[in-house]
Amino acid sequence: MIKITEFAAQKIKEVLKAQNKEDALLRLYLAGVGCGGPNFGMTLDESKTDEDILDQEHGVSVIIDKKLTNYLEGAVIDYVESENGGGFEIRTPKADNGGSCGDGCCSSCGGGC
């Protein structure tokens, strides 16, 4: 379901070790919905609930609320470095990349939310 690049998995393991939470789970959650569709965030969680699905990739355990699986199917977690530093990125192929003229929300023609 969720893909994690090997580089992102390595960075996640570094974070877990630095925080003495090697047994923690990586939780993906809905951080909000914007003009480009849903935005997702990540946090560390100590336990899985009955509403969660557990997935593992490159030795990293990821939990997702069952309600979000449709949005996160095929998502990729990567770690991207730039001259300003680095950070995790969640790419979701099923997210709506809207924002065209006349859509009524944050369009390139001056629409506002």
N, C-alpha and C. Protein backbone atom coordinates (compact mmCIF):
# COMPACT_ATOMS: atom_id res chain seq x y z
N MET A 1 0.82 -1.19 0.00
CA MET A 1 0.00 0.00 0.00
C MET A 1 0.86 1.26 0.00
N ILE A 2 1.69 1.46 1.02
CA ILE A 2 2.57 2.62 1.11
C ILE A 2 3.98 2.19 0.71
N LYS A 3 4.60 2.98 -0.10
CA LYS A 3 5.98 2.73 -0.47
C LYS A 3 6.86 3.72 0.29
N ILE A 4 7.97 3.25 0.81
CA ILE A 4 8.96 4.10 1.46
C ILE A 4 10.27 3.87 0.74
N THR A 5 10.88 4.94 0.27
CA THR A 5 12.17 4.76 -0.39
C THR A 5 13.18 4.28 0.65
N GLU A 6 14.22 3.61 0.18
CA GLU A 6 15.25 3.12 1.11
C GLU A 6 15.90 4.28 1.86
N PHE A 7 16.10 5.41 1.17
CA PHE A 7 16.72 6.57 1.81
C PHE A 7 15.81 7.14 2.90
N ALA A 8 14.50 7.22 2.61
CA ALA A 8 13.55 7.70 3.62
C ALA A 8 13.51 6.75 4.81
N ALA A 9 13.52 5.44 4.55
CA ALA A 9 13.51 4.46 5.64
C ALA A 9 14.73 4.63 6.53
N GLN A 10 15.88 4.85 5.91
CA GLN A 10 17.11 5.08 6.68
C GLN A 10 16.96 6.32 7.56
N LYS A 11 16.41 7.40 7.00
CA LYS A 11 16.25 8.64 7.76
C LYS A 11 15.22 8.46 8.88
N ILE A 12 14.16 7.71 8.62
CA ILE A 12 13.16 7.46 9.66
C ILE A 12 13.79 6.68 10.81
N LYS A 13 14.59 5.68 10.49
CA LYS A 13 15.27 4.89 11.52
C LYS A 13 16.23 5.77 12.33
N GLU A 14 16.88 6.72 11.68
CA GLU A 14 17.76 7.67 12.39
C GLU A 14 16.96 8.51 13.38
N VAL A 15 15.78 8.96 12.96
CA VAL A 15 14.92 9.76 13.85
C VAL A 15 14.47 8.91 15.03
N LEU A 16 14.04 7.68 14.76
CA LEU A 16 13.60 6.79 15.84
C LEU A 16 14.71 6.55 16.85
N LYS A 17 15.92 6.32 16.35
CA LYS A 17 17.06 6.08 17.24
C LYS A 17 17.40 7.33 18.04
N ALA A 18 17.41 8.49 17.39
CA ALA A 18 17.76 9.74 18.07
C ALA A 18 16.77 10.07 19.18
N GLN A 19 15.51 9.64 19.01
CA GLN A 19 14.48 9.92 20.03
C GLN A 19 14.27 8.74 20.97
N ASN A 20 15.15 7.73 20.90
CA ASN A 20 15.01 6.52 21.72
C ASN A 20 13.63 5.89 21.58
N LYS A 21 13.14 5.83 20.34
CA LYS A 21 11.82 5.26 20.07
C LYS A 21 11.90 4.23 18.95
N GLU A 22 12.89 3.36 19.01
CA GLU A 22 13.08 2.38 17.95
C GLU A 22 11.86 1.49 17.72
N ASP A 23 11.01 1.34 18.73
CA ASP A 23 9.82 0.49 18.60
C ASP A 23 8.58 1.26 18.18
N ALA A 24 8.70 2.57 18.00
CA ALA A 24 7.54 3.39 17.63
C ALA A 24 7.12 3.10 16.19
N LEU A 25 5.88 3.41 15.93
CA LEU A 25 5.29 3.25 14.60
C LEU A 25 5.19 4.63 13.94
N LEU A 26 5.33 4.64 12.64
CA LEU A 26 5.16 5.88 11.89
C LEU A 26 3.70 5.99 11.49
N ARG A 27 3.00 7.02 11.99
CA ARG A 27 1.59 7.21 11.67
C ARG A 27 1.44 8.28 10.59
N LEU A 28 0.70 7.94 9.53
CA LEU A 28 0.32 8.92 8.52
C LEU A 28 -1.08 9.40 8.88
N TYR A 29 -1.30 10.71 8.82
CA TYR A 29 -2.60 11.25 9.19
C TYR A 29 -2.99 12.37 8.22
N LEU A 30 -4.28 12.65 8.18
CA LEU A 30 -4.79 13.73 7.36
C LEU A 30 -4.51 15.04 8.08
N ALA A 31 -3.68 15.88 7.45
CA ALA A 31 -3.29 17.15 8.07
C ALA A 31 -4.20 18.29 7.64
N GLY A 32 -5.04 18.07 6.67
CA GLY A 32 -5.95 19.09 6.19
C GLY A 32 -6.25 18.87 4.72
N VAL A 33 -7.20 19.64 4.23
CA VAL A 33 -7.55 19.56 2.82
C VAL A 33 -7.40 20.95 2.23
N GLY A 34 -6.59 21.04 1.20
CA GLY A 34 -6.38 22.31 0.53
C GLY A 34 -6.87 22.25 -0.90
N CYS A 35 -6.52 23.24 -1.66
CA CYS A 35 -6.96 23.31 -3.05
C CYS A 35 -6.39 22.20 -3.91
N GLY A 36 -5.26 21.65 -3.51
CA GLY A 36 -4.66 20.55 -4.26
C GLY A 36 -5.12 19.20 -3.77
N GLY A 37 -6.07 19.16 -2.86
CA GLY A 37 -6.57 17.91 -2.32
C GLY A 37 -6.09 17.72 -0.89
N PRO A 38 -6.15 16.49 -0.40
CA PRO A 38 -5.76 16.23 0.98
C PRO A 38 -4.25 16.37 1.18
N ASN A 39 -3.89 16.86 2.36
CA ASN A 39 -2.48 16.96 2.76
C ASN A 39 -2.27 16.02 3.94
N PHE A 40 -1.18 15.28 3.88
CA PHE A 40 -0.91 14.29 4.91
C PHE A 40 0.33 14.64 5.70
N GLY A 41 0.33 14.24 6.97
CA GLY A 41 1.47 14.45 7.84
C GLY A 41 1.91 13.12 8.43
N MET A 42 3.02 13.17 9.15
CA MET A 42 3.57 11.98 9.79
C MET A 42 3.91 12.31 11.23
N THR A 43 3.74 11.33 12.09
CA THR A 43 4.14 11.46 13.48
C THR A 43 4.51 10.07 13.99
N LEU A 44 5.13 10.03 15.14
CA LEU A 44 5.46 8.75 15.76
C LEU A 44 4.35 8.39 16.74
N ASP A 45 4.01 7.13 16.77
CA ASP A 45 2.93 6.66 17.64
C ASP A 45 3.41 5.40 18.34
N GLU A 46 2.99 5.20 19.55
CA GLU A 46 3.42 4.05 20.34
C GLU A 46 2.57 2.81 20.10
N SER A 47 1.34 3.00 19.59
CA SER A 47 0.48 1.83 19.45
C SER A 47 -0.47 1.96 18.27
N LYS A 48 -0.97 0.83 17.85
CA LYS A 48 -1.93 0.71 16.76
C LYS A 48 -3.31 0.52 17.36
N THR A 49 -4.33 1.09 16.74
CA THR A 49 -5.71 0.90 17.20
C THR A 49 -6.41 -0.08 16.27
N ASP A 50 -7.63 -0.46 16.63
CA ASP A 50 -8.43 -1.35 15.79
C ASP A 50 -8.82 -0.68 14.48
N GLU A 51 -8.75 0.63 14.43
CA GLU A 51 -9.11 1.38 13.22
C GLU A 51 -7.93 1.56 12.27
N ASP A 52 -6.77 1.03 12.64
CA ASP A 52 -5.56 1.22 11.84
C ASP A 52 -5.21 0.00 11.00
N ILE A 53 -4.54 0.28 9.92
CA ILE A 53 -3.92 -0.76 9.09
C ILE A 53 -2.42 -0.62 9.25
N LEU A 54 -1.75 -1.73 9.44
CA LEU A 54 -0.30 -1.75 9.61
C LEU A 54 0.35 -2.18 8.30
N ASP A 55 1.35 -1.44 7.88
CA ASP A 55 2.11 -1.76 6.68
C ASP A 55 3.58 -1.66 7.05
N GLN A 56 4.43 -2.43 6.39
CA GLN A 56 5.86 -2.36 6.66
C GLN A 56 6.63 -2.27 5.36
N GLU A 57 7.66 -1.46 5.37
CA GLU A 57 8.51 -1.28 4.19
C GLU A 57 9.92 -0.97 4.67
N HIS A 58 10.91 -1.72 4.22
CA HIS A 58 12.32 -1.51 4.57
C HIS A 58 12.54 -1.44 6.08
N GLY A 59 11.79 -2.24 6.83
CA GLY A 59 11.97 -2.30 8.27
C GLY A 59 11.30 -1.18 9.05
N VAL A 60 10.46 -0.38 8.38
CA VAL A 60 9.73 0.70 9.05
C VAL A 60 8.25 0.31 9.08
N SER A 61 7.65 0.37 10.27
CA SER A 61 6.23 0.06 10.43
C SER A 61 5.41 1.34 10.32
N VAL A 62 4.42 1.30 9.42
CA VAL A 62 3.57 2.47 9.16
C VAL A 62 2.14 2.10 9.51
N ILE A 63 1.45 3.00 10.22
CA ILE A 63 0.04 2.79 10.51
C ILE A 63 -0.78 3.92 9.89
N ILE A 64 -1.96 3.50 9.41
CA ILE A 64 -2.86 4.44 8.74
C ILE A 64 -4.28 4.11 9.18
N ASP A 65 -5.06 5.13 9.47
CA ASP A 65 -6.47 4.92 9.77
C ASP A 65 -7.14 4.32 8.53
N LYS A 66 -7.98 3.30 8.73
CA LYS A 66 -8.64 2.61 7.62
C LYS A 66 -9.39 3.57 6.71
N LYS A 67 -9.90 4.67 7.27
CA LYS A 67 -10.66 5.64 6.48
C LYS A 67 -9.80 6.36 5.45
N LEU A 68 -8.48 6.35 5.63
CA LEU A 68 -7.59 7.08 4.73
C LEU A 68 -6.95 6.20 3.66
N THR A 69 -7.20 4.89 3.72
CA THR A 69 -6.50 4.00 2.79
C THR A 69 -6.78 4.32 1.33
N ASN A 70 -7.99 4.74 1.01
CA ASN A 70 -8.29 5.07 -0.39
C ASN A 70 -7.42 6.22 -0.89
N TYR A 71 -7.18 7.21 -0.03
CA TYR A 71 -6.37 8.37 -0.41
C TYR A 71 -4.88 8.04 -0.49
N LEU A 72 -4.44 7.09 0.32
CA LEU A 72 -3.01 6.81 0.43
C LEU A 72 -2.55 5.59 -0.37
N GLU A 73 -3.46 4.95 -1.08
CA GLU A 73 -3.08 3.82 -1.92
C GLU A 73 -2.04 4.27 -2.94
N GLY A 74 -0.88 3.62 -2.93
CA GLY A 74 0.18 3.97 -3.87
C GLY A 74 1.03 5.16 -3.46
N ALA A 75 0.82 5.68 -2.25
CA ALA A 75 1.61 6.82 -1.78
C ALA A 75 3.07 6.42 -1.60
N VAL A 76 3.94 7.40 -1.75
CA VAL A 76 5.38 7.18 -1.59
C VAL A 76 5.91 8.18 -0.57
N ILE A 77 6.62 7.68 0.43
CA ILE A 77 7.31 8.53 1.39
C ILE A 77 8.76 8.58 0.97
N ASP A 78 9.28 9.78 0.81
CA ASP A 78 10.66 9.95 0.39
C ASP A 78 11.31 10.99 1.30
N TYR A 79 12.61 11.02 1.30
CA TYR A 79 13.36 12.06 2.01
C TYR A 79 14.09 12.84 0.93
N VAL A 80 13.86 14.15 0.92
CA VAL A 80 14.40 15.01 -0.12
C VAL A 80 15.37 16.00 0.51
N GLU A 81 16.56 16.08 -0.05
CA GLU A 81 17.55 17.03 0.43
C GLU A 81 17.67 18.18 -0.58
N SER A 82 17.85 19.38 -0.03
CA SER A 82 18.08 20.55 -0.88
C SER A 82 19.13 21.41 -0.21
N GLU A 83 19.47 22.51 -0.83
CA GLU A 83 20.48 23.39 -0.23
C GLU A 83 19.99 24.03 1.06
N ASN A 84 18.69 24.01 1.31
CA ASN A 84 18.12 24.56 2.54
C ASN A 84 17.95 23.51 3.63
N GLY A 85 18.35 22.30 3.36
CA GLY A 85 18.19 21.22 4.34
C GLY A 85 17.47 20.05 3.72
N GLY A 86 16.80 19.28 4.52
CA GLY A 86 16.10 18.11 4.02
C GLY A 86 14.82 17.88 4.78
N GLY A 87 13.98 17.04 4.22
CA GLY A 87 12.73 16.72 4.89
C GLY A 87 11.99 15.60 4.18
N PHE A 88 11.00 15.10 4.87
CA PHE A 88 10.20 14.02 4.32
C PHE A 88 9.12 14.59 3.42
N GLU A 89 8.77 13.79 2.41
CA GLU A 89 7.77 14.19 1.45
C GLU A 89 6.84 12.99 1.25
N ILE A 90 5.54 13.25 1.25
CA ILE A 90 4.56 12.21 1.00
C ILE A 90 3.91 12.54 -0.34
N ARG A 91 4.15 11.69 -1.33
CA ARG A 91 3.53 11.88 -2.65
C ARG A 91 2.34 10.92 -2.75
N THR A 92 1.19 11.48 -3.06
CA THR A 92 -0.02 10.68 -3.15
C THR A 92 -0.60 10.76 -4.56
N PRO A 93 -0.50 9.69 -5.32
CA PRO A 93 -0.96 9.72 -6.71
C PRO A 93 -2.46 9.91 -6.86
N LYS A 94 -3.22 9.56 -5.84
CA LYS A 94 -4.67 9.69 -5.94
C LYS A 94 -5.17 11.06 -5.49
N ALA A 95 -4.27 11.91 -4.98
CA ALA A 95 -4.70 13.24 -4.54
C ALA A 95 -5.08 14.07 -5.74
N ASP A 96 -6.10 14.88 -5.56
CA ASP A 96 -6.56 15.78 -6.62
C ASP A 96 -5.59 16.93 -6.74
N ASN A 97 -5.02 17.13 -7.89
CA ASN A 97 -4.12 18.25 -8.13
C ASN A 97 -4.85 19.39 -8.81
N GLY A 98 -6.06 19.66 -8.35
CA GLY A 98 -6.95 20.66 -8.95
C GLY A 98 -6.36 22.04 -9.01
N GLY A 99 -7.19 23.00 -9.28
CA GLY A 99 -6.74 24.38 -9.35
C GLY A 99 -6.81 24.92 -10.76
N SER A 100 -7.94 24.71 -11.42
CA SER A 100 -8.09 25.26 -12.76
C SER A 100 -9.12 26.36 -12.76
N CYS A 101 -9.16 27.13 -13.85
CA CYS A 101 -10.11 28.25 -13.94
C CYS A 101 -11.53 27.77 -13.73
N GLY A 102 -12.24 28.50 -12.89
CA GLY A 102 -13.64 28.22 -12.69
C GLY A 102 -13.94 27.18 -11.63
N ASP A 103 -12.95 26.66 -10.98
CA ASP A 103 -13.23 25.63 -9.98
C ASP A 103 -13.71 26.24 -8.67
N GLY A 104 -13.59 27.55 -8.55
CA GLY A 104 -14.13 28.22 -7.37
C GLY A 104 -13.23 28.23 -6.16
N CYS A 105 -12.06 27.63 -6.20
CA CYS A 105 -11.21 27.61 -5.03
C CYS A 105 -9.75 27.67 -5.44
N CYS A 106 -9.11 28.76 -5.14
CA CYS A 106 -7.66 28.92 -5.35
C CYS A 106 -7.25 28.64 -6.78
N SER A 107 -8.08 28.98 -7.72
CA SER A 107 -7.70 28.74 -9.12
C SER A 107 -6.63 29.71 -9.56
N SER A 108 -5.99 29.39 -10.64
CA SER A 108 -4.94 30.25 -11.16
C SER A 108 -5.51 31.54 -11.73
N CYS A 109 -6.83 31.67 -11.75
CA CYS A 109 -7.46 32.88 -12.29
C CYS A 109 -7.90 33.82 -11.17
N GLY A 110 -7.36 33.66 -10.00
CA GLY A 110 -7.62 34.59 -8.90
C GLY A 110 -8.65 34.11 -7.90
N GLY A 111 -9.09 32.89 -7.99
CA GLY A 111 -10.04 32.38 -7.02
C GLY A 111 -9.42 32.30 -5.64
N GLY A 112 -10.23 32.38 -4.61
CA GLY A 112 -9.71 32.31 -3.24
C GLY A 112 -10.51 31.33 -2.43
N CYS A 113 -9.89 30.78 -1.41
CA CYS A 113 -10.58 29.83 -0.53
C CYS A 113 -11.25 30.59 0.57
